Protein backbone atom coordinates (compact mmCIF):
# COMPACT_ATOMS: atom_id res chain seq x y z
CA MET A 1 69.90 144.24 147.39
CA SER A 2 71.31 147.66 146.50
CA PHE A 3 75.02 148.40 146.56
CA GLN A 4 76.46 151.01 148.88
CA ALA A 5 77.71 153.68 146.49
CA ASN A 6 81.11 155.14 147.22
CA LYS A 7 82.00 158.68 146.13
CA ALA A 8 83.14 157.70 142.63
CA THR A 9 79.98 155.68 142.05
CA ALA A 10 77.68 158.42 143.30
CA GLU A 11 79.41 160.96 141.05
CA ILE A 12 79.06 158.69 138.01
CA ALA A 13 75.39 158.02 138.77
CA GLU A 14 74.78 161.76 138.89
CA GLU A 15 76.70 162.21 135.64
CA ILE A 16 74.62 159.53 133.91
CA ALA A 17 71.39 161.22 134.99
CA LEU A 18 72.66 164.60 133.81
CA ARG A 19 73.80 163.30 130.40
CA CYS A 20 70.45 161.57 129.85
CA GLN A 21 68.74 164.87 130.64
CA LEU A 22 71.01 166.99 128.41
CA ASN A 23 71.28 164.53 125.52
CA PRO A 24 68.23 162.24 125.61
CA ALA A 25 68.48 161.31 121.91
CA GLY A 26 72.17 160.40 122.22
CA THR A 27 72.12 158.31 125.39
CA ARG A 28 70.86 154.92 126.53
CA ARG A 29 70.72 153.20 129.93
CA ILE A 30 71.59 149.50 129.87
CA GLY A 31 71.00 147.01 132.67
CA ASN A 32 71.08 148.03 136.31
CA PHE A 33 73.94 150.56 136.05
CA GLY A 34 75.07 150.53 132.41
CA PHE A 35 75.10 153.54 130.12
CA ILE A 36 76.23 154.58 126.64
CA GLU A 37 76.39 157.95 124.91
CA LEU A 38 77.41 158.93 121.41
CA GLU A 39 79.03 162.08 122.68
CA ASP A 40 80.55 163.50 119.53
CA GLY A 41 81.45 162.76 115.94
CA TRP A 42 83.35 164.14 112.97
CA GLY A 43 82.34 163.84 109.33
CA ASP A 44 79.32 162.41 107.56
CA GLU A 45 78.28 160.66 104.35
CA ALA A 46 79.44 163.66 102.31
CA THR A 47 82.91 163.41 103.90
CA ILE A 48 83.20 159.83 102.65
CA VAL A 49 82.08 160.54 99.09
CA ASN A 50 84.24 163.67 98.82
CA THR A 51 87.27 161.69 100.00
CA ALA A 52 86.65 158.95 97.45
CA ARG A 53 86.38 161.48 94.60
CA ILE A 54 89.58 163.35 95.40
CA SER A 55 91.30 162.09 92.24
CA SER A 56 88.36 162.48 89.88
CA THR A 57 86.63 165.80 90.53
CA ASN A 58 86.80 169.09 92.40
CA LYS A 59 83.07 168.97 93.06
CA ARG A 60 82.34 168.74 96.77
CA LEU A 61 79.11 167.83 98.51
CA GLN A 62 78.33 169.95 101.55
CA SER A 63 75.98 167.57 103.32
CA LEU A 64 73.58 164.68 102.86
CA ALA A 65 70.99 167.15 101.55
CA ASP A 66 73.13 167.53 98.39
CA PHE A 67 73.13 163.80 97.59
CA SER A 68 71.79 162.58 94.26
CA ASP A 69 70.90 158.98 93.45
CA LYS A 70 74.36 158.72 91.87
CA ASP A 71 75.99 159.79 95.14
CA ARG A 72 73.97 157.25 97.10
CA ALA A 73 74.95 154.54 94.65
CA LEU A 74 78.61 155.48 94.99
CA LEU A 75 78.42 155.27 98.79
CA TYR A 76 76.96 151.77 98.48
CA LEU A 77 79.58 150.60 95.95
CA LEU A 78 82.44 151.95 98.03
CA LEU A 79 81.26 149.97 101.00
CA LYS A 80 80.30 146.87 99.05
CA ASP A 81 83.65 146.69 97.24
CA ASN A 82 85.72 147.32 100.40
CA HIS A 83 87.18 150.69 99.46
CA GLY A 84 88.06 151.14 103.08
CA THR A 85 90.08 154.33 103.48
CA PRO A 86 87.28 156.85 102.70
CA PHE A 87 85.37 155.34 105.62
CA GLU A 88 88.29 155.97 107.94
CA THR A 89 87.71 159.72 107.63
CA VAL A 90 84.54 159.65 109.77
CA TYR A 91 84.98 159.36 113.54
CA PHE A 92 82.76 158.74 116.55
CA ARG A 93 83.38 159.34 120.25
CA TYR A 94 81.40 157.11 122.58
CA ARG A 95 81.36 157.00 126.33
CA PHE A 96 80.09 153.84 127.96
CA ILE A 97 79.83 152.39 131.43
CA ALA A 98 79.83 148.60 131.18
CA PRO A 99 80.83 145.48 133.14
CA ILE A 100 84.52 144.62 132.94
CA PHE A 101 83.73 141.28 131.25
CA VAL A 102 82.07 143.26 128.43
CA LEU A 103 85.10 145.55 128.15
CA ARG A 104 87.37 142.52 127.71
CA GLN A 105 85.49 141.66 124.53
CA TRP A 106 85.15 145.26 123.38
CA VAL A 107 88.85 146.15 123.69
CA LYS A 108 89.74 143.41 121.20
CA HIS A 109 88.60 145.87 118.50
CA ARG A 110 91.99 147.50 118.57
CA VAL A 111 91.83 150.01 115.70
CA SER A 112 90.45 152.70 117.99
CA SER A 113 91.38 154.92 120.93
CA TRP A 114 90.55 153.59 124.38
CA ASN A 115 90.65 155.58 127.65
CA GLU A 116 89.37 153.76 130.73
CA PHE A 117 88.58 154.72 134.32
CA SER A 118 91.66 153.97 136.42
CA MET A 119 91.41 152.19 139.77
CA ARG A 120 94.98 153.30 140.48
CA TYR A 121 93.75 156.86 141.02
CA ARG A 122 90.13 156.33 142.13
CA LYS A 123 88.17 153.72 144.00
CA PRO A 124 86.35 151.19 141.81
CA ILE A 125 82.74 151.74 140.84
CA SER A 126 80.87 150.00 143.65
CA ALA A 127 78.14 148.55 141.44
CA ALA A 128 78.06 145.16 139.76
CA TYR A 129 76.05 143.92 136.80
CA ILE A 130 73.04 141.89 137.92
CA PRO A 131 71.53 139.65 135.21
CA ASP A 132 67.78 140.06 134.83
CA THR A 133 65.42 137.25 133.78
CA GLN A 134 66.09 137.75 130.07
CA ALA A 135 69.87 137.76 130.57
CA ARG A 136 69.87 134.47 132.41
CA SER A 137 67.44 132.68 130.09
CA VAL A 138 68.12 130.55 127.00
CA ASP A 139 65.08 129.82 124.81
CA GLY A 140 62.85 130.64 127.76
CA PHE A 141 64.72 128.40 130.23
CA GLU A 142 66.32 130.17 133.21
CA VAL A 143 69.81 128.77 133.77
CA LEU A 144 70.14 130.57 137.13
CA SER A 145 67.44 130.62 139.79
CA ASP A 146 66.29 133.69 141.71
CA ALA A 147 68.06 132.28 144.76
CA ALA A 148 71.35 131.93 142.87
CA VAL A 149 71.14 135.50 141.58
CA ALA A 150 70.40 136.80 145.07
CA GLU A 151 73.49 134.97 146.38
CA TYR A 152 75.54 136.33 143.46
CA GLU A 153 74.43 139.87 144.27
CA ALA A 154 75.24 139.41 147.95
CA MET A 155 78.78 138.25 147.10
CA MET A 156 79.32 141.30 144.89
CA ALA A 157 78.19 143.59 147.71
CA GLN A 158 80.49 141.78 150.14
CA LEU A 159 83.51 142.36 147.89
CA PHE A 160 82.79 146.08 147.58
CA ASP A 161 82.28 146.34 151.35
CA TRP A 162 85.58 144.51 151.96
CA TYR A 163 87.40 146.96 149.65
CA GLU A 164 85.99 149.99 151.47
CA ARG A 165 86.89 148.62 154.91
CA GLN A 166 90.41 147.62 153.89
CA TYR A 167 91.09 150.91 152.14
CA GLU A 168 89.95 152.85 155.19
CA GLN A 169 92.25 150.77 157.39
CA ALA A 170 95.16 151.25 154.97
CA CYS A 171 94.66 155.02 155.02
CA GLU A 172 94.63 154.98 158.83
CA ARG A 173 97.93 153.04 158.84
CA ILE A 174 99.46 155.56 156.44
CA ASP A 175 98.25 158.57 158.46
CA THR A 176 99.53 157.05 161.72
CA ALA A 177 102.93 156.32 160.19
CA ARG A 178 103.14 159.88 158.86
CA ALA A 179 102.27 161.36 162.23
CA ALA A 180 105.03 159.23 163.79
CA GLY A 181 107.56 160.33 161.17
CA GLU A 182 107.97 156.78 159.87
CA ILE A 183 107.19 157.79 156.27
CA PRO A 184 107.63 161.14 154.48
CA PRO A 185 104.87 163.76 154.68
CA LYS A 186 102.49 163.98 151.74
CA GLU A 187 103.53 166.46 149.08
CA GLY A 188 101.50 167.79 146.16
CA GLY A 189 99.90 165.39 143.72
CA ARG A 190 99.18 161.69 144.11
CA ASP A 191 99.95 160.05 147.43
CA PRO A 192 102.13 157.02 146.51
CA TYR A 193 101.15 155.15 149.70
CA ARG A 194 97.40 155.45 149.18
CA GLY A 195 97.94 154.84 145.49
CA ARG A 196 99.72 151.57 146.21
CA ALA A 197 96.87 150.51 148.51
CA ARG A 198 94.36 151.12 145.70
CA GLU A 199 96.55 149.20 143.25
CA LEU A 200 96.58 146.17 145.52
CA LEU A 201 92.97 146.28 146.69
CA ARG A 202 91.58 146.58 143.16
CA ASN A 203 92.70 142.96 142.65
CA VAL A 204 89.51 141.73 144.32
CA THR A 205 87.28 143.68 141.92
CA PRO A 206 85.04 141.18 140.08
CA VAL A 207 84.64 141.23 136.29
CA ALA A 208 80.95 141.97 136.95
CA ALA A 209 81.95 145.40 138.30
CA TYR A 210 81.35 148.38 136.03
CA SER A 211 84.04 150.52 134.46
CA ASP A 212 83.93 153.78 132.53
CA VAL A 213 85.44 154.21 129.04
CA TYR A 214 85.83 156.77 126.28
CA TRP A 215 86.05 155.05 122.89
CA THR A 216 87.00 156.94 119.73
CA VAL A 217 86.67 154.96 116.52
CA ASN A 218 86.45 155.52 112.76
CA PHE A 219 83.54 154.14 110.78
CA ARG A 220 85.52 151.36 109.11
CA SER A 221 86.39 149.89 112.50
CA LEU A 222 82.92 150.62 113.86
CA MET A 223 81.37 148.62 111.03
CA ASN A 224 83.57 145.63 111.90
CA PHE A 225 82.45 145.99 115.52
CA PHE A 226 78.78 146.01 114.52
CA ALA A 227 79.21 143.09 112.13
CA LEU A 228 80.64 140.89 114.90
CA ARG A 229 79.00 142.08 118.11
CA ARG A 230 75.42 142.47 116.82
CA LYS A 231 75.17 138.90 115.57
CA PRO A 232 72.43 136.79 117.20
CA ASP A 233 75.06 134.48 118.70
CA ALA A 234 77.08 137.32 120.27
CA GLN A 235 77.08 137.34 124.07
CA TYR A 236 73.85 138.87 125.38
CA GLU A 237 75.44 141.75 127.32
CA MET A 238 77.91 142.62 124.55
CA ARG A 239 75.07 142.61 122.03
CA GLU A 240 73.02 144.97 124.20
CA TYR A 241 75.79 147.57 124.10
CA ALA A 242 76.50 147.02 120.39
CA ASP A 243 72.82 147.41 119.51
CA ALA A 244 72.59 150.60 121.55
CA ALA A 245 75.77 151.96 119.92
CA PHE A 246 74.27 151.17 116.50
CA ASP A 247 70.96 152.87 117.29
CA LEU A 248 72.74 156.07 118.36
CA PHE A 249 74.97 155.97 115.28
CA ALA A 250 72.00 155.32 112.95
CA ALA A 251 70.09 158.28 114.38
CA ARG A 252 73.03 160.55 113.56
CA LEU A 253 73.93 159.17 110.10
CA PRO A 254 70.86 157.31 108.79
CA LEU A 255 72.02 156.86 105.17
CA LEU A 256 75.38 155.44 106.22
CA ALA A 257 73.67 153.10 108.69
CA GLU A 258 71.16 151.95 106.08
CA THR A 259 73.92 151.38 103.50
CA MET A 260 76.08 149.49 105.99
CA GLN A 261 73.22 147.23 107.01
CA ARG A 262 72.41 146.51 103.35
CA VAL A 263 76.01 145.46 102.68
CA LEU A 264 76.18 143.31 105.82
CA ASN A 265 72.88 141.62 104.97
CA GLU A 266 74.11 140.87 101.45
CA LYS A 267 77.33 139.36 102.78
CA GLN A 268 75.42 137.13 105.18
CA ALA A 269 73.01 136.03 102.47
CA GLY A 270 75.86 135.33 100.03
């Protein structure tokens, strides 16, 4: 079953396709409607090393191409010995479209900036996460049958359809009351009556529904995110997004990614 896309959903689907076309190396599709993009970043490995050396030398590295073995060793020791603040000088800006139940885990990583799609101002994204065979399997055993997943998908579609019908009826009530002079005419900006209808109707939105987030985070916090959310026992869907975020980060800053993974591996082994 396919969901009936409302305007917001259709616009986001078009945006996903466009971003994948414009930035193929920096984007990933995840699941039936999910998406992640490493949209921008500030700083690199040289930024970290230069910050750490502020008290010891005026020598500045311009980029990774200037690194010596000594510089690589310093980057490793800084990370290994938890000299955290130099790693807070490098930032990443991700955009991701993920199920709300994934966002509830993600937002717990609080040392970051979080801007999410608002269902107060727009209709919800009328698409829900549908678990594929791998997502619903544990050690090869499927915990949900095809019939159960089909019923699950039908219930999601029913909720989105209910929202659309109720919102249309609410707007008709508002327009009729305005025409009768029962409520004030609409002025510029947000209509408080339609806004209140959206605020109430969003309450039926399931946690399987997708939302849209900009996430800005420094490397120190990003490393903590990777260390927790890429573990084998992390929830499957959360791990999918974390692995994709890591791959995009590693493609941009390969030495930092390699050094981080070395430190994490050593901590796990120790």
